[in-house]
C-alpha atoms as a PDB file:
ATOM      1  CA  MET A   1      -2.253 -45.681 -17.971  1.00  0.00           C
ATOM      2  CA  PRO A   2      -4.256 -45.704 -14.381  1.00  0.00           C
ATOM      3  CA  ASP A   3      -6.512 -42.423 -13.978  1.00  0.00           C
ATOM      4  CA  ARG A   4      -6.318 -41.427 -10.264  1.00  0.00           C
ATOM      5  CA  ASP A   5      -9.847 -41.675 -10.076  1.00  0.00           C
ATOM      6  CA  ASP A   6      -9.671 -45.539 -10.459  1.00  0.00           C
ATOM      7  CA  ASP A   7      -7.225 -45.701  -7.862  1.00  0.00           C
ATOM      8  CA  ARG A   8      -9.760 -44.212  -5.343  1.00  0.00           C
ATOM      9  CA  THR A   9     -12.511 -46.309  -6.318  1.00  0.00           C
ATOM     10  CA  GLU A  10     -10.243 -49.392  -6.012  1.00  0.00           C
ATOM     11  CA  LEU A  11      -9.159 -47.282  -2.176  1.00  0.00           C
ATOM     12  CA  ASP A  12     -12.495 -47.188  -1.778  1.00  0.00           C
ATOM     13  CA  ARG A  13     -13.707 -50.990  -2.562  1.00  0.00           C
ATOM     14  CA  ASP A  14     -10.590 -52.419  -0.493  1.00  0.00           C
ATOM     15  CA  LEU A  15     -11.969 -50.145   2.502  1.00  0.00           C
ATOM     16  CA  ALA A  16     -15.673 -51.157   1.948  1.00  0.00           C
ATOM     17  CA  ARG A  17     -14.037 -54.495   1.930  1.00  0.00           C
ATOM     18  CA  LEU A  18     -12.405 -53.927   5.160  1.00  0.00           C
ATOM     19  CA  ALA A  19     -15.353 -52.250   6.902  1.00  0.00           C
ATOM     20  CA  ALA A  20     -17.977 -54.907   5.899  1.00  0.00           C
ATOM     21  CA  ALA A  21     -15.306 -57.935   7.192  1.00  0.00           C
ATOM     22  CA  THR A  22     -14.849 -55.715  10.772  1.00  0.00           C
ATOM     23  CA  ALA A  23     -18.479 -54.561  11.076  1.00  0.00           C
ATOM     24  CA  ARG A  24     -19.094 -57.053  13.870  1.00  0.00           C
ATOM     25  CA  LEU A  25     -15.521 -57.172  15.876  1.00  0.00           C
ATOM     26  CA  ASP A  26     -16.217 -54.966  19.393  1.00  0.00           C
ATOM     27  CA  ALA A  27     -12.905 -53.392  21.526  1.00  0.00           C
ATOM     28  CA  ASP A  28     -12.201 -55.279  23.969  1.00  0.00           C
ATOM     29  CA  ASP A  29     -10.518 -53.249  27.520  1.00  0.00           C
ATOM     30  CA  ARG A  30      -8.646 -55.642  28.682  1.00  0.00           C
ATOM     31  CA  PHE A  31      -6.409 -55.648  25.472  1.00  0.00           C
ATOM     32  CA  THR A  32      -6.653 -52.502  25.407  1.00  0.00           C
ATOM     33  CA  GLY A  33      -4.989 -52.639  28.973  1.00  0.00           C
ATOM     34  CA  ALA A  34      -2.706 -55.484  27.795  1.00  0.00           C
ATOM     35  CA  VAL A  35      -0.986 -52.661  25.280  1.00  0.00           C
ATOM     36  CA  LEU A  36      -0.930 -49.924  27.818  1.00  0.00           C
ATOM     37  CA  ARG A  37       0.606 -52.450  30.029  1.00  0.00           C
ATOM     38  CA  ALA A  38       3.073 -53.107  27.649  1.00  0.00           C
ATOM     39  CA  ALA A  39       3.806 -49.774  27.040  1.00  0.00           C
ATOM     40  CA  ALA A  40       4.247 -48.995  30.230  1.00  0.00           C
ATOM     41  CA  THR A  41       7.025 -51.605  30.982  1.00  0.00           C
ATOM     42  CA  ALA A  42       8.894 -50.775  27.694  1.00  0.00           C
ATOM     43  CA  ASP A  43      12.202 -49.129  28.213  1.00  0.00           C
ATOM     44  CA  ASP A  44      10.754 -45.288  26.478  1.00  0.00           C
ATOM     45  CA  PRO A  45      11.303 -42.302  28.062  1.00  0.00           C
ATOM     46  CA  LEU A  46       7.939 -41.807  27.098  1.00  0.00           C
ATOM     47  CA  ALA A  47       6.587 -44.986  29.069  1.00  0.00           C
ATOM     48  CA  ARG A  48       8.701 -43.894  32.087  1.00  0.00           C
ATOM     49  CA  ILE A  49       7.099 -39.782  31.779  1.00  0.00           C
ATOM     50  CA  ALA A  50       3.704 -41.686  31.885  1.00  0.00           C
ATOM     51  CA  ARG A  51       4.270 -43.660  34.782  1.00  0.00           C
ATOM     52  CA  ALA A  52       6.160 -41.054  36.794  1.00  0.00           C
ATOM     53  CA  THR A  53       2.799 -38.291  36.407  1.00  0.00           C
ATOM     54  CA  GLU A  54       0.333 -41.448  35.946  1.00  0.00           C
ATOM     55  CA  GLY A  55      -1.084 -39.319  39.046  1.00  0.00           C
ATOM     56  CA  LEU A  56      -1.628 -35.954  38.491  1.00  0.00           C
ATOM     57  CA  GLU A  57      -4.617 -34.487  37.738  1.00  0.00           C
ATOM     58  CA  PRO A  58      -4.809 -31.298  35.435  1.00  0.00           C
ATOM     59  CA  ASP A  59      -5.058 -28.168  37.782  1.00  0.00           C
ATOM     60  CA  ALA A  60      -6.481 -24.911  36.056  1.00  0.00           C
ATOM     61  CA  ALA A  61      -4.502 -22.601  38.268  1.00  0.00           C
ATOM     62  CA  PHE A  62      -1.737 -24.299  36.708  1.00  0.00           C
ATOM     63  CA  THR A  63      -2.320 -23.827  33.361  1.00  0.00           C
ATOM     64  CA  GLU A  64      -3.394 -20.184  33.815  1.00  0.00           C
ATOM     65  CA  ALA A  65       0.232 -19.379  35.351  1.00  0.00           C
ATOM     66  CA  VAL A  66       1.657 -21.052  32.199  1.00  0.00           C
ATOM     67  CA  LEU A  67      -0.424 -18.849  30.017  1.00  0.00           C
ATOM     68  CA  ARG A  68       0.752 -15.834  31.798  1.00  0.00           C
ATOM     69  CA  ALA A  69       4.167 -16.682  32.221  1.00  0.00           C
ATOM     70  CA  ALA A  70       4.090 -17.720  28.691  1.00  0.00           C
ATOM     71  CA  ALA A  71       2.646 -14.233  27.142  1.00  0.00           C
ATOM     72  CA  ALA A  72       5.089 -12.240  29.478  1.00  0.00           C
ATOM     73  CA  ALA A  73       7.755 -14.029  27.780  1.00  0.00           C
ATOM     74  CA  ALA A  74       6.697 -13.223  24.835  1.00  0.00           C
ATOM     75  CA  PRO A  75       8.306 -10.613  22.539  1.00  0.00           C
ATOM     76  CA  PRO A  76       5.815  -7.852  21.672  1.00  0.00           C
ATOM     77  CA  PRO A  77       4.643  -7.760  17.620  1.00  0.00           C
ATOM     78  CA  ALA A  78       6.640  -6.397  15.646  1.00  0.00           C
ATOM     79  CA  ARG A  79       5.052  -3.847  13.606  1.00  0.00           C
ATOM     80  CA  PRO A  80       4.209  -4.667   9.982  1.00  0.00           C
ATOM     81  CA  ALA A  81       7.331  -3.996   7.730  1.00  0.00           C
ATOM     82  CA  MET A  82       6.522  -1.076   4.554  1.00  0.00           C
ATOM     83  CA  ALA A  83       6.245  -4.361   2.115  1.00  0.00           C
ATOM     84  CA  GLU A  84       3.531  -5.623   4.105  1.00  0.00           C
ATOM     85  CA  GLY A  85       1.813  -2.758   3.861  1.00  0.00           C
ATOM     86  CA  ILE A  86       2.295  -2.428  -0.097  1.00  0.00           C
ATOM     87  CA  VAL A  87       0.977  -5.662  -0.864  1.00  0.00           C
ATOM     88  CA  ARG A  88      -1.673  -5.347   1.406  1.00  0.00           C
ATOM     89  CA  SER A  89      -2.738  -2.077  -0.760  1.00  0.00           C
ATOM     90  CA  GLY A  90      -1.542  -3.273  -4.126  1.00  0.00           C
ATOM     91  CA  ARG A  91      -4.484  -3.807  -5.642  1.00  0.00           C
ATOM     92  CA  ALA A  92      -6.103  -0.850  -4.537  1.00  0.00           C
ATOM     93  CA  ALA A  93      -3.267   1.204  -6.166  1.00  0.00           C
ATOM     94  CA  ILE A  94      -3.752  -0.752  -9.242  1.00  0.00           C
ATOM     95  CA  VAL A  95      -7.127   0.405  -9.337  1.00  0.00           C
ATOM     96  CA  VAL A  96      -6.406   3.815  -8.691  1.00  0.00           C
ATOM     97  CA  THR A  97      -3.639   4.311 -11.239  1.00  0.00           C
ATOM     98  CA  ALA A  98      -6.094   1.972 -14.173  1.00  0.00           C
ATOM     99  CA  LEU A  99      -8.576   4.541 -13.250  1.00  0.00           C
ATOM    100  CA  ALA A 100      -5.893   7.705 -13.490  1.00  0.00           C
ATOM    101  CA  ALA A 101      -3.951   6.517 -16.810  1.00  0.00           C
ATOM    102  CA  ALA A 102      -8.156   5.941 -18.411  1.00  0.00           C
ATOM    103  CA  ALA A 103      -9.009   9.609 -16.929  1.00  0.00           C
ATOM    104  CA  SER A 104      -5.679  10.853 -18.542  1.00  0.00           C
ATOM    105  CA  VAL A 105      -5.964   9.659 -22.089  1.00  0.00           C
ATOM    106  CA  LEU A 106     -10.020  10.938 -21.869  1.00  0.00           C
ATOM    107  CA  PHE A 107      -8.155  14.236 -20.791  1.00  0.00           C
ATOM    108  CA  PHE A 108      -5.788  14.099 -24.302  1.00  0.00           C
ATOM    109  CA  LEU A 109      -8.889  12.975 -26.404  1.00  0.00           C
ATOM    110  CA  ARG A 110     -10.846  15.910 -25.160  1.00  0.00           C
ATOM    111  CA  THR A 111      -8.248  18.412 -25.287  1.00  0.00           C
ATOM    112  CA  GLN A 112      -6.423  17.246 -28.794  1.00  0.00           C
ATOM    113  CA  ARG A 113     -10.164  18.021 -30.384  1.00  0.00           C
ATOM    114  CA  ASP A 114     -10.088  21.106 -28.778  1.00  0.00           C
ATOM    115  CA  VAL A 115      -6.531  22.047 -29.957  1.00  0.00           C
ATOM    116  CA  ASP A 116      -7.302  20.347 -34.048  1.00  0.00           C
ATOM    117  CA  SER A 117     -10.375  23.045 -33.799  1.00  0.00           C
ATOM    118  CA  ALA A 118      -8.802  25.745 -32.631  1.00  0.00           C
ATOM    119  CA  ILE A 119      -6.035  25.023 -35.903  1.00  0.00           C
ATOM    120  CA  MET A 120      -8.041  24.722 -38.052  1.00  0.00           C
ATOM    121  CA  ALA A 121     -10.317  27.951 -37.264  1.00  0.00           C
ATOM    122  CA  SER A 122      -6.573  29.657 -37.711  1.00  0.00           C
ATOM    123  CA  VAL A 123      -6.121  27.260 -41.335  1.00  0.00           C
ATOM    124  CA  GLU A 124      -9.741  28.616 -42.488  1.00  0.00           C
ATOM    125  CA  THR A 125      -8.437  32.610 -41.119  1.00  0.00           C
ATOM    126  CA  ILE A 126      -5.162  32.290 -43.268  1.00  0.00           C
ATOM    127  CA  GLU A 127      -6.759  30.836 -45.770  1.00  0.00           C
ATOM    128  CA  ALA A 128     -10.139  33.618 -46.187  1.00  0.00           C
ATOM    129  CA  ILE A 129      -7.098  36.657 -45.725  1.00  0.00           C
ATOM    130  CA  GLU A 130      -5.222  35.019 -48.251  1.00  0.00           C
END
């Protein structure tokens, strides 16, 4: 079964072969013009729009007006949902929770040792009395 790397190598060889075969070809402006003229005469809505707007030049004031109108029409940004805040602070919450659990275990072990010592002291006292 061929590997994906084999397919890429074959594709690279094909592309290199095509690049070498077309390296001496130059773009001809007459060809580009002919393609554009053919597209302009086609019964295509985009071709009609291109012909109708061929003489228009861009205007910075128009662009700014469109951007201002779009900004004015845009709804205000929504407040972030509570879930988004939870997701953003999730890692920190996990770290804090893990630290709290470790502190609880250490506190338990320390107090358990103190309780064991207290119990042993009382048992020794009872044995000494008997």
